[in-house]
Amino acid sequence: MHAAREHAAALKLRQSVEGRRILLVDDVFTTGTTFHTVDKRLMTECGASEVRDLVLARVPFGTIYW
């Protein structure tokens, strides 16, 4: 969760996304925490009207090692 908050805090926008629909792309989906945290920031702090997520690959369930 800490890394997801760091990713969301590091988000730098070149222009306003207020009222806009956003497509967020990531290369690998593991737990979804980063998507959730960044989506939430885009909606609540930046004013995006909608955020959708697209992932290129997913880690198979049960293979995440902490």
C-alpha atoms as a PDB file:
ATOM      1  CA  MET A   1       0.000   0.000   0.000  1.00  0.00           C
ATOM      2  CA  HIS A   2       2.907   2.343   0.725  1.00  0.00           C
ATOM      3  CA  ALA A   3       4.275   2.006  -2.820  1.00  0.00           C
ATOM      4  CA  ALA A   4       0.826   2.697  -4.278  1.00  0.00           C
ATOM      5  CA  ARG A   5       0.562   5.924  -2.267  1.00  0.00           C
ATOM      6  CA  GLU A   6       4.019   6.943  -3.492  1.00  0.00           C
ATOM      7  CA  HIS A   7       2.967   6.358  -7.112  1.00  0.00           C
ATOM      8  CA  ALA A   8      -0.172   8.429  -6.629  1.00  0.00           C
ATOM      9  CA  ALA A   9       1.765  11.238  -4.918  1.00  0.00           C
ATOM     10  CA  ALA A  10       4.351  11.274  -7.728  1.00  0.00           C
ATOM     11  CA  LEU A  11       1.679  11.831 -10.379  1.00  0.00           C
ATOM     12  CA  LYS A  12       2.492  15.030 -12.297  1.00  0.00           C
ATOM     13  CA  LEU A  13      -0.135  16.267 -14.734  1.00  0.00           C
ATOM     14  CA  ARG A  14       0.790  18.482 -17.688  1.00  0.00           C
ATOM     15  CA  GLN A  15      -2.742  19.816 -17.956  1.00  0.00           C
ATOM     16  CA  SER A  16      -5.988  19.746 -16.039  1.00  0.00           C
ATOM     17  CA  VAL A  17      -8.023  16.528 -16.128  1.00  0.00           C
ATOM     18  CA  GLU A  18     -11.054  18.103 -14.482  1.00  0.00           C
ATOM     19  CA  GLY A  19     -14.228  16.681 -15.996  1.00  0.00           C
ATOM     20  CA  ARG A  20     -12.287  14.401 -18.338  1.00  0.00           C
ATOM     21  CA  ARG A  21     -12.370  10.638 -18.854  1.00  0.00           C
ATOM     22  CA  ILE A  22      -8.958   9.038 -18.223  1.00  0.00           C
ATOM     23  CA  LEU A  23      -7.471   5.734 -19.393  1.00  0.00           C
ATOM     24  CA  LEU A  24      -4.697   4.564 -17.069  1.00  0.00           C
ATOM     25  CA  VAL A  25      -2.346   1.932 -18.532  1.00  0.00           C
ATOM     26  CA  ASP A  26      -0.013  -0.366 -16.584  1.00  0.00           C
ATOM     27  CA  ASP A  27       2.251  -3.150 -17.779  1.00  0.00           C
ATOM     28  CA  VAL A  28       1.641  -5.754 -15.045  1.00  0.00           C
ATOM     29  CA  PHE A  29      -1.319  -6.149 -12.668  1.00  0.00           C
ATOM     30  CA  THR A  30      -0.567  -7.818  -9.353  1.00  0.00           C
ATOM     31  CA  THR A  31      -2.899  -6.736  -6.535  1.00  0.00           C
ATOM     32  CA  GLY A  32      -4.678  -3.718  -8.052  1.00  0.00           C
ATOM     33  CA  THR A  33      -3.692  -1.455  -5.173  1.00  0.00           C
ATOM     34  CA  THR A  34      -1.770   0.986  -7.377  1.00  0.00           C
ATOM     35  CA  PHE A  35      -4.640   1.278  -9.858  1.00  0.00           C
ATOM     36  CA  HIS A  36      -7.108   1.864  -7.040  1.00  0.00           C
ATOM     37  CA  THR A  37      -4.959   4.514  -5.320  1.00  0.00           C
ATOM     38  CA  VAL A  38      -4.079   6.443  -8.484  1.00  0.00           C
ATOM     39  CA  ASP A  39      -7.691   6.230  -9.758  1.00  0.00           C
ATOM     40  CA  LYS A  40      -8.937   7.632  -6.466  1.00  0.00           C
ATOM     41  CA  ARG A  41      -6.502  10.556  -6.598  1.00  0.00           C
ATOM     42  CA  LEU A  42      -7.419  11.374 -10.202  1.00  0.00           C
ATOM     43  CA  MET A  43     -11.106  11.437  -9.291  1.00  0.00           C
ATOM     44  CA  THR A  44     -11.051  13.134  -5.888  1.00  0.00           C
ATOM     45  CA  GLU A  45      -8.112  15.535  -6.077  1.00  0.00           C
ATOM     46  CA  CYS A  46      -7.789  16.170  -9.821  1.00  0.00           C
ATOM     47  CA  GLY A  47     -11.483  16.152 -10.741  1.00  0.00           C
ATOM     48  CA  ALA A  48     -11.518  13.463 -13.452  1.00  0.00           C
ATOM     49  CA  SER A  49     -15.078  12.403 -14.247  1.00  0.00           C
ATOM     50  CA  GLU A  50     -14.154   8.784 -14.983  1.00  0.00           C
ATOM     51  CA  VAL A  51     -11.034   6.617 -14.780  1.00  0.00           C
ATOM     52  CA  ARG A  52     -10.684   3.274 -16.554  1.00  0.00           C
ATOM     53  CA  ASP A  53      -7.735   0.910 -16.230  1.00  0.00           C
ATOM     54  CA  LEU A  54      -5.993  -1.161 -18.891  1.00  0.00           C
ATOM     55  CA  VAL A  55      -3.382  -3.764 -18.032  1.00  0.00           C
ATOM     56  CA  LEU A  56      -1.141  -5.652 -20.437  1.00  0.00           C
ATOM     57  CA  ALA A  57      -0.396  -8.702 -18.260  1.00  0.00           C
ATOM     58  CA  ARG A  58      -1.611 -10.156 -14.977  1.00  0.00           C
ATOM     59  CA  VAL A  59       0.415 -12.098 -12.451  1.00  0.00           C
ATOM     60  CA  PRO A  60      -1.272 -15.506 -12.007  1.00  0.00           C
ATOM     61  CA  PHE A  61      -3.255 -15.805  -8.777  1.00  0.00           C
ATOM     62  CA  GLY A  62      -1.227 -17.244  -5.916  1.00  0.00           C
ATOM     63  CA  THR A  63       2.215 -16.387  -7.338  1.00  0.00           C
ATOM     64  CA  ILE A  64       2.783 -13.131  -5.469  1.00  0.00           C
ATOM     65  CA  TYR A  65       5.573 -13.492  -2.933  1.00  0.00           C
ATOM     66  CA  TRP A  66       5.941 -10.940  -0.150  1.00  0.00           C
END
